[in-house]
Amino acid sequence: MAGHSKFKNIMHRKGAQDKKRSAMFSKLSREITVAAKMGMPDPDMNPRLRLAVNAAKAQSMPKDNIQRAIDKAAQAGGEDYEEVRYEGYGPGGVALIVEALTDNRNRTATNVRTAFSKNGGNLGSEGSVSHGFERLGLIEYPVSVGDEDKVLEAAIEAGADDVESDMGEDGGHSIWTAPDALHEVAGNLEKALGEAETVKLAWKPTITVAMDEGGAATLLKLVDTLDDDDDVQTVWGNYEIADEIMEKLG
């Protein structure tokens, strides 16, 4: 069950994240509104909304902002967002999955296609790369909650399927579950380890591609461009970038 992987969602690049706090709040708000619209506006009765609220709290989003996003779902004539997924290839044949919430599919598709074509990639059709990923639940904790053995034991007790621990400075614990078990496992882990940094559905690659410095620089530019788009919620990829290359690229 234990494992180690450098697989990281690009959202983990903490420096970039801090600079984009207001943009991140806007993306979190959008997910909360959509989740509240799709089910009950009560996080205890709506697992997707609970995950969205927990993700917002983990990023220190103020309670007022969270409540405003929930209330927005009940307003008549508000924006109607739909979930869209884009798939394509980046530099070096890296597979990327882009998840978006949009009120204008044409605008989002144009922006995503342009980001790929200008940064060494090309957009494919839906299903073109997702066969190389597994759809799983992901729960993340910082290194500070404990060592690998403590987290592994808690994860087994909670009903998780796999744990990957990286005890480095920017590391953490990634706990994987079946998609339909995410809500329950996250609740069990919260009792043992406290509130998680991240609880969400993820795309986990079955095989990763190691990037050289040149390819990594172009790839990160592509991912940053996608991430800067208000409609894009998350970018997942099957790339692996060595720590020394990440340090050089800053």
Protein backbone atom coordinates (compact mmCIF):
# COMPACT_ATOMS: atom_id res chain seq x y z
CA MET A 1 0.00 0.00 0.00
CA ALA A 2 2.82 2.42 0.79
CA GLY A 3 4.45 4.14 -2.14
CA HIS A 4 6.38 7.22 -3.14
CA SER A 5 5.81 9.42 -6.13
CA LYS A 6 6.83 12.86 -7.27
CA PHE A 7 3.46 13.17 -9.03
CA LYS A 8 2.13 16.57 -8.13
CA ASN A 9 -0.68 18.67 -9.44
CA ILE A 10 0.75 21.97 -10.67
CA MET A 11 -1.44 23.77 -8.12
CA HIS A 12 1.14 22.71 -5.52
CA ARG A 13 3.69 25.23 -6.70
CA LYS A 14 3.18 27.26 -3.57
CA GLY A 15 4.89 30.47 -4.70
CA ALA A 16 2.70 30.76 -7.78
CA GLN A 17 -0.33 29.91 -5.66
CA ASP A 18 0.25 32.73 -3.19
CA LYS A 19 0.49 35.28 -6.00
CA LYS A 20 -2.80 34.10 -7.42
CA ARG A 21 -4.83 34.06 -4.22
CA SER A 22 -7.68 36.22 -5.54
CA ALA A 23 -7.90 34.18 -8.75
CA MET A 24 -7.91 31.01 -6.65
CA PHE A 25 -10.74 32.34 -4.46
CA SER A 26 -12.73 33.04 -7.62
CA LYS A 27 -12.23 29.43 -8.82
CA LEU A 28 -13.13 28.03 -5.38
CA SER A 29 -16.26 30.22 -5.26
CA ARG A 30 -17.34 28.97 -8.67
CA GLU A 31 -16.99 25.32 -7.57
CA ILE A 32 -18.97 26.02 -4.35
CA THR A 33 -21.79 27.70 -6.32
CA VAL A 34 -21.97 24.83 -8.84
CA ALA A 35 -21.93 22.20 -6.07
CA ALA A 36 -24.67 24.03 -4.14
CA LYS A 37 -26.78 24.33 -7.30
CA MET A 38 -26.46 20.63 -8.12
CA GLY A 39 -27.64 19.44 -4.71
CA MET A 40 -28.71 20.74 -1.31
CA PRO A 41 -27.13 24.05 -0.20
CA ASP A 42 -26.14 22.34 3.08
CA PRO A 43 -22.58 20.88 3.13
CA ASP A 44 -23.67 18.13 5.55
CA MET A 45 -26.30 16.92 3.04
CA ASN A 46 -24.25 17.49 -0.12
CA PRO A 47 -20.86 15.65 -0.33
CA ARG A 48 -19.62 17.66 -3.33
CA LEU A 49 -20.41 20.95 -1.58
CA ARG A 50 -18.68 19.74 1.57
CA LEU A 51 -15.54 18.95 -0.46
CA ALA A 52 -15.69 22.39 -2.10
CA VAL A 53 -16.13 24.18 1.24
CA ASN A 54 -13.28 22.18 2.80
CA ALA A 55 -11.01 23.05 -0.15
CA ALA A 56 -11.86 26.74 0.34
CA LYS A 57 -11.19 26.56 4.09
CA ALA A 58 -7.84 24.85 3.43
CA GLN A 59 -6.84 27.94 1.38
CA SER A 60 -7.97 30.29 4.21
CA MET A 61 -10.92 31.64 2.20
CA PRO A 62 -13.04 33.85 4.52
CA LYS A 63 -16.34 32.39 5.79
CA ASP A 64 -18.29 35.32 4.29
CA ASN A 65 -16.95 34.51 0.82
CA ILE A 66 -17.91 30.85 1.23
CA GLN A 67 -21.45 31.73 2.34
CA ARG A 68 -21.83 34.24 -0.51
CA ALA A 69 -20.88 31.53 -3.02
CA ILE A 70 -23.48 29.14 -1.52
CA ASP A 71 -26.18 31.85 -1.51
CA LYS A 72 -25.42 32.67 -5.16
CA ALA A 73 -26.65 29.20 -6.16
CA ALA A 74 -30.18 30.07 -5.05
CA GLN A 75 -30.33 33.38 -6.94
CA ALA A 76 -32.52 33.43 -10.02
CA GLY A 77 -30.80 34.54 -13.20
CA GLY A 78 -27.28 33.91 -11.89
CA GLU A 79 -24.53 32.53 -14.13
CA ASP A 80 -25.09 28.96 -15.20
CA TYR A 81 -21.82 27.07 -15.21
CA GLU A 82 -21.25 23.71 -16.83
CA GLU A 83 -18.41 21.27 -16.33
CA VAL A 84 -16.17 20.72 -19.34
CA ARG A 85 -13.07 18.55 -19.70
CA TYR A 86 -10.33 19.10 -22.28
CA GLU A 87 -7.56 16.62 -23.09
CA GLY A 88 -4.37 17.09 -25.03
CA TYR A 89 -0.62 16.72 -25.27
CA GLY A 90 2.03 19.14 -24.07
CA PRO A 91 5.76 19.33 -24.89
CA GLY A 92 7.54 15.97 -24.91
CA GLY A 93 4.29 14.06 -25.39
CA VAL A 94 3.06 14.81 -21.86
CA ALA A 95 -0.65 14.04 -21.42
CA LEU A 96 -2.75 16.80 -19.82
CA ILE A 97 -6.34 16.87 -18.58
CA VAL A 98 -7.89 20.30 -18.05
CA GLU A 99 -11.07 20.60 -15.97
CA ALA A 100 -13.14 23.75 -16.36
CA LEU A 101 -16.36 25.33 -15.12
CA THR A 102 -17.67 27.73 -17.75
CA ASP A 103 -20.68 29.83 -18.70
CA ASN A 104 -19.39 30.10 -22.29
CA ARG A 105 -18.04 26.91 -23.88
CA ASN A 106 -16.82 28.65 -27.05
CA ARG A 107 -14.71 31.16 -25.11
CA THR A 108 -13.16 28.48 -22.90
CA ALA A 109 -12.44 26.09 -25.78
CA THR A 110 -10.75 28.90 -27.77
CA ASN A 111 -8.61 29.94 -24.77
CA VAL A 112 -7.57 26.36 -23.96
CA ARG A 113 -6.77 25.55 -27.62
CA THR A 114 -4.69 28.75 -27.94
CA ALA A 115 -2.77 27.97 -24.72
CA PHE A 116 -1.85 24.51 -26.04
CA SER A 117 -0.85 25.67 -29.55
CA LYS A 118 1.29 28.60 -28.32
CA ASN A 119 3.20 26.47 -25.79
CA GLY A 120 4.32 23.39 -27.69
CA GLY A 121 1.16 21.34 -27.28
CA ASN A 122 -1.96 20.32 -29.13
CA LEU A 123 -5.51 19.81 -27.95
CA GLY A 124 -7.06 16.40 -28.60
CA SER A 125 -10.60 15.09 -28.42
CA GLU A 126 -12.23 14.02 -25.15
CA GLY A 127 -10.94 10.56 -24.24
CA SER A 128 -7.66 11.03 -26.15
CA VAL A 129 -5.48 10.93 -23.02
CA SER A 130 -7.75 10.06 -20.07
CA HIS A 131 -7.27 6.31 -20.74
CA GLY A 132 -3.76 6.81 -19.31
CA PHE A 133 -5.15 8.06 -15.97
CA GLU A 134 -7.22 6.61 -13.15
CA ARG A 135 -10.14 8.58 -11.69
CA LEU A 136 -9.53 8.47 -7.93
CA GLY A 137 -10.22 10.36 -4.73
CA LEU A 138 -7.23 12.34 -3.38
CA ILE A 139 -6.72 13.52 0.20
CA GLU A 140 -3.56 15.48 1.02
CA TYR A 141 -1.89 16.32 4.32
CA PRO A 142 1.26 18.33 5.05
CA VAL A 143 4.43 16.64 6.36
CA SER A 144 3.70 18.19 9.78
CA VAL A 145 0.83 15.75 10.59
CA GLY A 146 3.29 12.92 11.17
CA ASP A 147 5.70 10.41 9.67
CA GLU A 148 4.95 7.85 6.97
CA ASP A 149 4.04 5.07 9.42
CA LYS A 150 1.53 7.21 11.32
CA VAL A 151 -0.21 8.37 8.14
CA LEU A 152 -0.16 4.88 6.59
CA GLU A 153 -1.76 3.40 9.72
CA ALA A 154 -4.44 6.13 9.79
CA ALA A 155 -5.12 5.64 6.07
CA ILE A 156 -5.56 1.86 6.42
CA GLU A 157 -7.93 2.39 9.36
CA ALA A 158 -9.89 4.98 7.36
CA GLY A 159 -10.39 2.63 4.41
CA ALA A 160 -7.99 4.26 1.90
CA ASP A 161 -6.43 2.29 -0.98
CA ASP A 162 -2.93 3.76 -1.23
CA VAL A 163 -0.57 6.30 0.36
CA GLU A 164 2.37 8.17 -1.15
CA SER A 165 4.57 10.11 1.27
CA ASP A 166 7.25 12.63 0.35
CA MET A 167 8.96 13.84 3.53
CA GLY A 168 10.94 16.59 1.75
CA GLU A 169 10.55 20.31 2.44
CA ASP A 170 7.74 20.81 -0.11
CA GLY A 171 6.43 17.29 0.29
CA GLY A 172 3.40 15.86 1.98
CA HIS A 173 1.18 12.80 2.17
CA SER A 174 -1.14 11.87 -0.71
CA ILE A 175 -3.85 9.39 0.23
CA TRP A 176 -5.78 7.72 -2.59
CA THR A 177 -9.28 6.23 -2.44
CA ALA A 178 -11.96 4.90 -4.77
CA PRO A 179 -14.01 7.90 -6.06
CA ASP A 180 -17.20 6.87 -4.28
CA ALA A 181 -15.33 6.31 -0.98
CA LEU A 182 -13.67 9.76 -0.91
CA HIS A 183 -16.25 11.45 1.32
CA GLU A 184 -16.28 8.64 3.90
CA VAL A 185 -12.48 8.13 4.00
CA ALA A 186 -11.89 11.90 4.32
CA GLY A 187 -14.30 12.01 7.28
CA ASN A 188 -12.52 9.09 8.99
CA LEU A 189 -9.09 10.65 8.40
CA GLU A 190 -10.22 13.99 9.79
CA LYS A 191 -10.88 12.28 13.15
CA ALA A 192 -7.37 10.80 13.18
CA LEU A 193 -5.23 13.51 11.53
CA GLY A 194 -7.33 16.70 11.57
CA GLU A 195 -8.55 18.67 8.56
CA ALA A 196 -6.86 17.83 5.24
CA GLU A 197 -5.20 20.39 2.94
CA THR A 198 -6.96 18.92 -0.11
CA VAL A 199 -9.93 16.61 -0.61
CA LYS A 200 -11.00 16.16 -4.23
CA LEU A 201 -11.49 13.87 -7.17
CA ALA A 202 -8.25 13.56 -9.13
CA TRP A 203 -6.79 12.14 -12.31
CA LYS A 204 -3.80 9.96 -11.40
CA PRO A 205 -1.49 8.94 -14.26
CA THR A 206 -0.72 5.23 -14.68
CA ILE A 207 2.68 6.02 -16.27
CA THR A 208 4.69 9.24 -15.87
CA VAL A 209 6.99 11.03 -18.33
CA ALA A 210 10.32 12.43 -17.04
CA MET A 211 10.96 15.95 -18.36
CA ASP A 212 14.31 17.53 -19.27
CA GLU A 213 14.95 21.19 -18.43
CA GLY A 214 13.90 22.61 -21.82
CA GLY A 215 10.71 20.56 -22.01
CA ALA A 216 9.86 21.34 -18.39
CA ALA A 217 10.21 25.11 -18.93
CA THR A 218 7.77 25.07 -21.89
CA LEU A 219 5.40 22.70 -20.10
CA LEU A 220 5.23 24.85 -16.97
CA LYS A 221 4.53 27.90 -19.14
CA LEU A 222 1.64 26.01 -20.75
CA VAL A 223 0.25 24.90 -17.39
CA ASP A 224 0.59 28.41 -15.93
CA THR A 225 -1.24 29.88 -18.96
CA LEU A 226 -4.08 27.39 -18.49
CA ASP A 227 -4.13 27.99 -14.75
CA ASP A 228 -4.41 31.76 -15.29
CA ASP A 229 -7.70 31.27 -17.16
CA ASP A 230 -10.66 32.01 -14.86
CA ASP A 231 -12.67 29.11 -16.32
CA VAL A 232 -9.99 26.48 -15.68
CA GLN A 233 -10.35 24.78 -12.31
CA THR A 234 -7.56 22.19 -12.36
CA VAL A 235 -4.80 20.93 -14.65
CA TRP A 236 -3.62 17.34 -14.27
CA GLY A 237 -0.64 15.81 -16.07
CA ASN A 238 1.51 12.68 -16.26
CA TYR A 239 4.81 14.57 -16.14
CA GLU A 240 7.58 14.17 -13.59
CA ILE A 241 10.05 17.02 -13.04
CA ALA A 242 13.15 16.37 -10.93
CA ASP A 243 13.62 18.63 -7.90
CA GLU A 244 16.91 20.07 -9.27
CA ILE A 245 15.19 21.10 -12.52
CA MET A 246 12.31 22.70 -10.60
CA GLU A 247 14.85 24.68 -8.53
CA LYS A 248 16.59 25.94 -11.67
CA LEU A 249 13.30 26.99 -13.20
CA GLY A 250 12.18 28.65 -9.96
